[in-house]
Amino acid sequence: MPITKGTKSYFYFNLHKRVWSLMVRGRVVSHATDVYARNVEFRVRPAGRARVLREGRKNVHAFAVADWASVASDGVSLTPVRVGADDWEEVSYNPFRSDKFHRKIDGKPVRGAAEAVLTLKGGRGRVYARGLKFFEPSPIRQV
């Protein structure tokens, strides 16, 4: 099911159903086992993360936001991804470690990606991306 270009699509891993949930305009419209997305921005809602830290329970507050995506169900793979090959790298998020998504291999904070594949591996959601966009380091202020 392709998503119309320009429509902001929010994807998050649904811990109860063990699939990716797709939200458009604040409503869940679909679930998928695999998602291929372009022009991805990784977003974390600060209030949701604060609630996780306060209560010690996860809630929906971190998303991969894309302006174009294609989704598949029932184990249909959309694209073969080989981590370490073809510039695909694993991206992860842990609210107890950081307020940002990060590149799994070295923990460098990631802002977005040109392309991303959201899939399942061992019953867990996995994000593989290429064309990563990193946060710019803050300028050092001289006092």
C-alpha atoms as a PDB file:
ATOM      1  CA  MET A   1       0.000   0.000   0.000  1.00  0.00           C
ATOM      2  CA  PRO A   2       1.845   3.143  -1.137  1.00  0.00           C
ATOM      3  CA  ILE A   3       1.331   6.366   0.779  1.00  0.00           C
ATOM      4  CA  THR A   4       0.748   9.455  -1.365  1.00  0.00           C
ATOM      5  CA  LYS A   5       3.853  11.626  -1.656  1.00  0.00           C
ATOM      6  CA  GLY A   6       3.608  14.656   0.573  1.00  0.00           C
ATOM      7  CA  THR A   7       1.353  12.975   3.137  1.00  0.00           C
ATOM      8  CA  LYS A   8       3.205  12.896   6.460  1.00  0.00           C
ATOM      9  CA  SER A   9       3.165   9.286   7.627  1.00  0.00           C
ATOM     10  CA  TYR A  10       4.150   8.451  11.204  1.00  0.00           C
ATOM     11  CA  PHE A  11       5.437   4.936  11.900  1.00  0.00           C
ATOM     12  CA  TYR A  12       6.034   3.390  15.308  1.00  0.00           C
ATOM     13  CA  PHE A  13       6.629  -0.140  16.534  1.00  0.00           C
ATOM     14  CA  ASN A  14       3.504  -1.434  18.253  1.00  0.00           C
ATOM     15  CA  LEU A  15       4.722  -3.391  21.307  1.00  0.00           C
ATOM     16  CA  HIS A  16       1.367  -5.150  21.792  1.00  0.00           C
ATOM     17  CA  LYS A  17       0.747  -6.326  18.217  1.00  0.00           C
ATOM     18  CA  ARG A  18       4.456  -6.726  17.318  1.00  0.00           C
ATOM     19  CA  VAL A  19       4.002  -4.883  14.001  1.00  0.00           C
ATOM     20  CA  TRP A  20       4.613  -1.381  12.680  1.00  0.00           C
ATOM     21  CA  SER A  21       1.642   0.952  13.074  1.00  0.00           C
ATOM     22  CA  LEU A  22       1.024   3.735  10.555  1.00  0.00           C
ATOM     23  CA  MET A  23      -0.552   6.999  11.698  1.00  0.00           C
ATOM     24  CA  VAL A  24      -1.829   9.675   9.330  1.00  0.00           C
ATOM     25  CA  ARG A  25      -3.272  12.904  10.768  1.00  0.00           C
ATOM     26  CA  GLY A  26      -3.170  11.422  14.285  1.00  0.00           C
ATOM     27  CA  ARG A  27      -5.086   8.217  13.494  1.00  0.00           C
ATOM     28  CA  VAL A  28      -3.773   4.680  13.069  1.00  0.00           C
ATOM     29  CA  VAL A  29      -4.790   3.654   9.550  1.00  0.00           C
ATOM     30  CA  SER A  30      -2.767   0.484   8.991  1.00  0.00           C
ATOM     31  CA  HIS A  31      -0.344  -2.092  10.399  1.00  0.00           C
ATOM     32  CA  ALA A  32       2.575  -3.643   8.541  1.00  0.00           C
ATOM     33  CA  THR A  33       5.430  -6.076   8.983  1.00  0.00           C
ATOM     34  CA  ASP A  34       7.677  -4.174   6.578  1.00  0.00           C
ATOM     35  CA  VAL A  35       7.865  -0.524   5.581  1.00  0.00           C
ATOM     36  CA  TYR A  36      10.055   1.157   2.978  1.00  0.00           C
ATOM     37  CA  ALA A  37      10.184   4.939   3.446  1.00  0.00           C
ATOM     38  CA  ARG A  38      11.922   7.909   1.844  1.00  0.00           C
ATOM     39  CA  ASN A  39      12.835  11.307   3.291  1.00  0.00           C
ATOM     40  CA  VAL A  40      12.621  10.048   6.858  1.00  0.00           C
ATOM     41  CA  GLU A  41      12.845  12.179   9.966  1.00  0.00           C
ATOM     42  CA  PHE A  42      13.243  10.485  13.353  1.00  0.00           C
ATOM     43  CA  ARG A  43      11.172  12.292  16.002  1.00  0.00           C
ATOM     44  CA  VAL A  44      10.858  11.913  19.757  1.00  0.00           C
ATOM     45  CA  ARG A  45       8.135  13.736  21.675  1.00  0.00           C
ATOM     46  CA  PRO A  46       9.790  15.131  24.829  1.00  0.00           C
ATOM     47  CA  ALA A  47       6.649  14.920  27.003  1.00  0.00           C
ATOM     48  CA  GLY A  48       6.156  11.252  26.087  1.00  0.00           C
ATOM     49  CA  ARG A  49       9.760  10.425  26.889  1.00  0.00           C
ATOM     50  CA  ALA A  50       9.488  12.266  30.218  1.00  0.00           C
ATOM     51  CA  ARG A  51       6.450  10.148  31.070  1.00  0.00           C
ATOM     52  CA  VAL A  52       8.395   6.950  30.254  1.00  0.00           C
ATOM     53  CA  LEU A  53      11.197   8.027  32.571  1.00  0.00           C
ATOM     54  CA  ARG A  54       8.770   9.042  35.295  1.00  0.00           C
ATOM     55  CA  GLU A  55       6.542   5.924  35.158  1.00  0.00           C
ATOM     56  CA  GLY A  56       9.077   3.351  33.954  1.00  0.00           C
ATOM     57  CA  ARG A  57       6.614   2.137  31.280  1.00  0.00           C
ATOM     58  CA  LYS A  58       6.874   2.645  27.542  1.00  0.00           C
ATOM     59  CA  ASN A  59       4.323   4.639  25.561  1.00  0.00           C
ATOM     60  CA  VAL A  60       4.036   5.826  21.965  1.00  0.00           C
ATOM     61  CA  HIS A  61       6.270   8.881  21.663  1.00  0.00           C
ATOM     62  CA  ALA A  62       8.972   8.068  19.065  1.00  0.00           C
ATOM     63  CA  PHE A  63       8.346   7.921  15.324  1.00  0.00           C
ATOM     64  CA  ALA A  64       9.882   7.581  11.902  1.00  0.00           C
ATOM     65  CA  VAL A  65       8.132  10.273   9.871  1.00  0.00           C
ATOM     66  CA  ALA A  66       8.177   9.951   6.085  1.00  0.00           C
ATOM     67  CA  ASP A  67       6.674  11.879   3.199  1.00  0.00           C
ATOM     68  CA  TRP A  68       6.515   8.732   1.047  1.00  0.00           C
ATOM     69  CA  ALA A  69       6.287   5.089   2.060  1.00  0.00           C
ATOM     70  CA  SER A  70       5.207   1.661   0.938  1.00  0.00           C
ATOM     71  CA  VAL A  71       4.036  -0.966   3.411  1.00  0.00           C
ATOM     72  CA  ALA A  72       3.677  -4.757   3.300  1.00  0.00           C
ATOM     73  CA  SER A  73       2.088  -7.342   5.580  1.00  0.00           C
ATOM     74  CA  ASP A  74       2.437 -11.056   6.268  1.00  0.00           C
ATOM     75  CA  GLY A  75       6.203 -11.212   5.930  1.00  0.00           C
ATOM     76  CA  VAL A  76       6.358  -9.824   2.390  1.00  0.00           C
ATOM     77  CA  SER A  77       9.750  -8.156   2.174  1.00  0.00           C
ATOM     78  CA  LEU A  78       9.866  -4.873   0.293  1.00  0.00           C
ATOM     79  CA  THR A  79      13.588  -4.608  -0.202  1.00  0.00           C
ATOM     80  CA  PRO A  80      16.588  -6.732   0.719  1.00  0.00           C
ATOM     81  CA  VAL A  81      18.727  -5.010   3.334  1.00  0.00           C
ATOM     82  CA  ARG A  82      22.211  -6.149   4.211  1.00  0.00           C
ATOM     83  CA  VAL A  83      23.568  -4.178   7.132  1.00  0.00           C
ATOM     84  CA  GLY A  84      27.083  -3.014   6.391  1.00  0.00           C
ATOM     85  CA  ALA A  85      26.517  -3.442   2.653  1.00  0.00           C
ATOM     86  CA  ASP A  86      25.095  -0.842   0.300  1.00  0.00           C
ATOM     87  CA  ASP A  87      25.434   1.802   3.044  1.00  0.00           C
ATOM     88  CA  TRP A  88      22.531   0.387   5.133  1.00  0.00           C
ATOM     89  CA  GLU A  89      23.037   0.977   8.864  1.00  0.00           C
ATOM     90  CA  GLU A  90      20.900   0.026  11.845  1.00  0.00           C
ATOM     91  CA  VAL A  91      19.217   2.889  13.707  1.00  0.00           C
ATOM     92  CA  SER A  92      17.745   2.458  17.175  1.00  0.00           C
ATOM     93  CA  TYR A  93      16.011   4.342  19.985  1.00  0.00           C
ATOM     94  CA  ASN A  94      15.967   3.700  23.717  1.00  0.00           C
ATOM     95  CA  PRO A  95      14.187   6.285  25.891  1.00  0.00           C
ATOM     96  CA  PHE A  96      16.287   5.280  28.914  1.00  0.00           C
ATOM     97  CA  ARG A  97      19.562   6.056  27.079  1.00  0.00           C
ATOM     98  CA  SER A  98      18.871   9.194  25.051  1.00  0.00           C
ATOM     99  CA  ASP A  99      16.275  11.619  23.768  1.00  0.00           C
ATOM    100  CA  LYS A 100      17.287  10.900  20.159  1.00  0.00           C
ATOM    101  CA  PHE A 101      17.455   8.002  17.735  1.00  0.00           C
ATOM    102  CA  HIS A 102      21.028   6.826  17.235  1.00  0.00           C
ATOM    103  CA  ARG A 103      23.212   4.813  14.881  1.00  0.00           C
ATOM    104  CA  LYS A 104      23.501   1.432  16.571  1.00  0.00           C
ATOM    105  CA  ILE A 105      27.163   0.791  15.759  1.00  0.00           C
ATOM    106  CA  ASP A 106      28.519   3.869  17.578  1.00  0.00           C
ATOM    107  CA  GLY A 107      25.622   5.673  19.273  1.00  0.00           C
ATOM    108  CA  LYS A 108      25.899   8.811  17.127  1.00  0.00           C
ATOM    109  CA  PRO A 109      22.565  10.736  17.242  1.00  0.00           C
ATOM    110  CA  VAL A 110      20.595  10.560  13.988  1.00  0.00           C
ATOM    111  CA  ARG A 111      18.129  13.219  12.776  1.00  0.00           C
ATOM    112  CA  GLY A 112      16.880  11.464   9.639  1.00  0.00           C
ATOM    113  CA  ALA A 113      17.688   9.444   6.532  1.00  0.00           C
ATOM    114  CA  ALA A 114      17.187   9.484   2.794  1.00  0.00           C
ATOM    115  CA  GLU A 115      15.722   5.965   2.945  1.00  0.00           C
ATOM    116  CA  ALA A 116      14.690   3.574   5.703  1.00  0.00           C
ATOM    117  CA  VAL A 117      13.367   0.056   6.004  1.00  0.00           C
ATOM    118  CA  LEU A 118      11.338  -0.733   9.109  1.00  0.00           C
ATOM    119  CA  THR A 119      11.072  -4.481   9.554  1.00  0.00           C
ATOM    120  CA  LEU A 120      10.835  -7.296  12.081  1.00  0.00           C
ATOM    121  CA  LYS A 121      13.712  -9.434  13.273  1.00  0.00           C
ATOM    122  CA  GLY A 122      13.221 -11.960  16.058  1.00  0.00           C
ATOM    123  CA  GLY A 123       9.830 -10.443  16.914  1.00  0.00           C
ATOM    124  CA  ARG A 124      11.329  -6.999  17.450  1.00  0.00           C
ATOM    125  CA  GLY A 125      11.120  -3.888  15.345  1.00  0.00           C
ATOM    126  CA  ARG A 126      14.298  -2.992  13.489  1.00  0.00           C
ATOM    127  CA  VAL A 127      15.151   0.143  11.504  1.00  0.00           C
ATOM    128  CA  TYR A 128      17.764   0.075   8.757  1.00  0.00           C
ATOM    129  CA  ALA A 129      18.600   3.318   6.983  1.00  0.00           C
ATOM    130  CA  ARG A 130      20.971   4.833   4.476  1.00  0.00           C
ATOM    131  CA  GLY A 131      21.812   8.397   3.661  1.00  0.00           C
ATOM    132  CA  LEU A 132      21.818   9.187   7.379  1.00  0.00           C
ATOM    133  CA  LYS A 133      21.464  12.803   8.499  1.00  0.00           C
ATOM    134  CA  PHE A 134      23.130  13.626  11.781  1.00  0.00           C
ATOM    135  CA  PHE A 135      22.579  16.438  14.247  1.00  0.00           C
ATOM    136  CA  GLU A 136      25.013  19.286  13.788  1.00  0.00           C
ATOM    137  CA  PRO A 137      27.327  19.786  16.755  1.00  0.00           C
ATOM    138  CA  SER A 138      26.530  22.856  18.824  1.00  0.00           C
ATOM    139  CA  PRO A 139      28.929  25.714  18.203  1.00  0.00           C
ATOM    140  CA  ILE A 140      31.446  26.202  20.985  1.00  0.00           C
ATOM    141  CA  ARG A 141      30.897  29.528  22.676  1.00  0.00           C
ATOM    142  CA  GLN A 142      33.933  31.472  23.765  1.00  0.00           C
ATOM    143  CA  VAL A 143      33.520  33.158  27.118  1.00  0.00           C
END
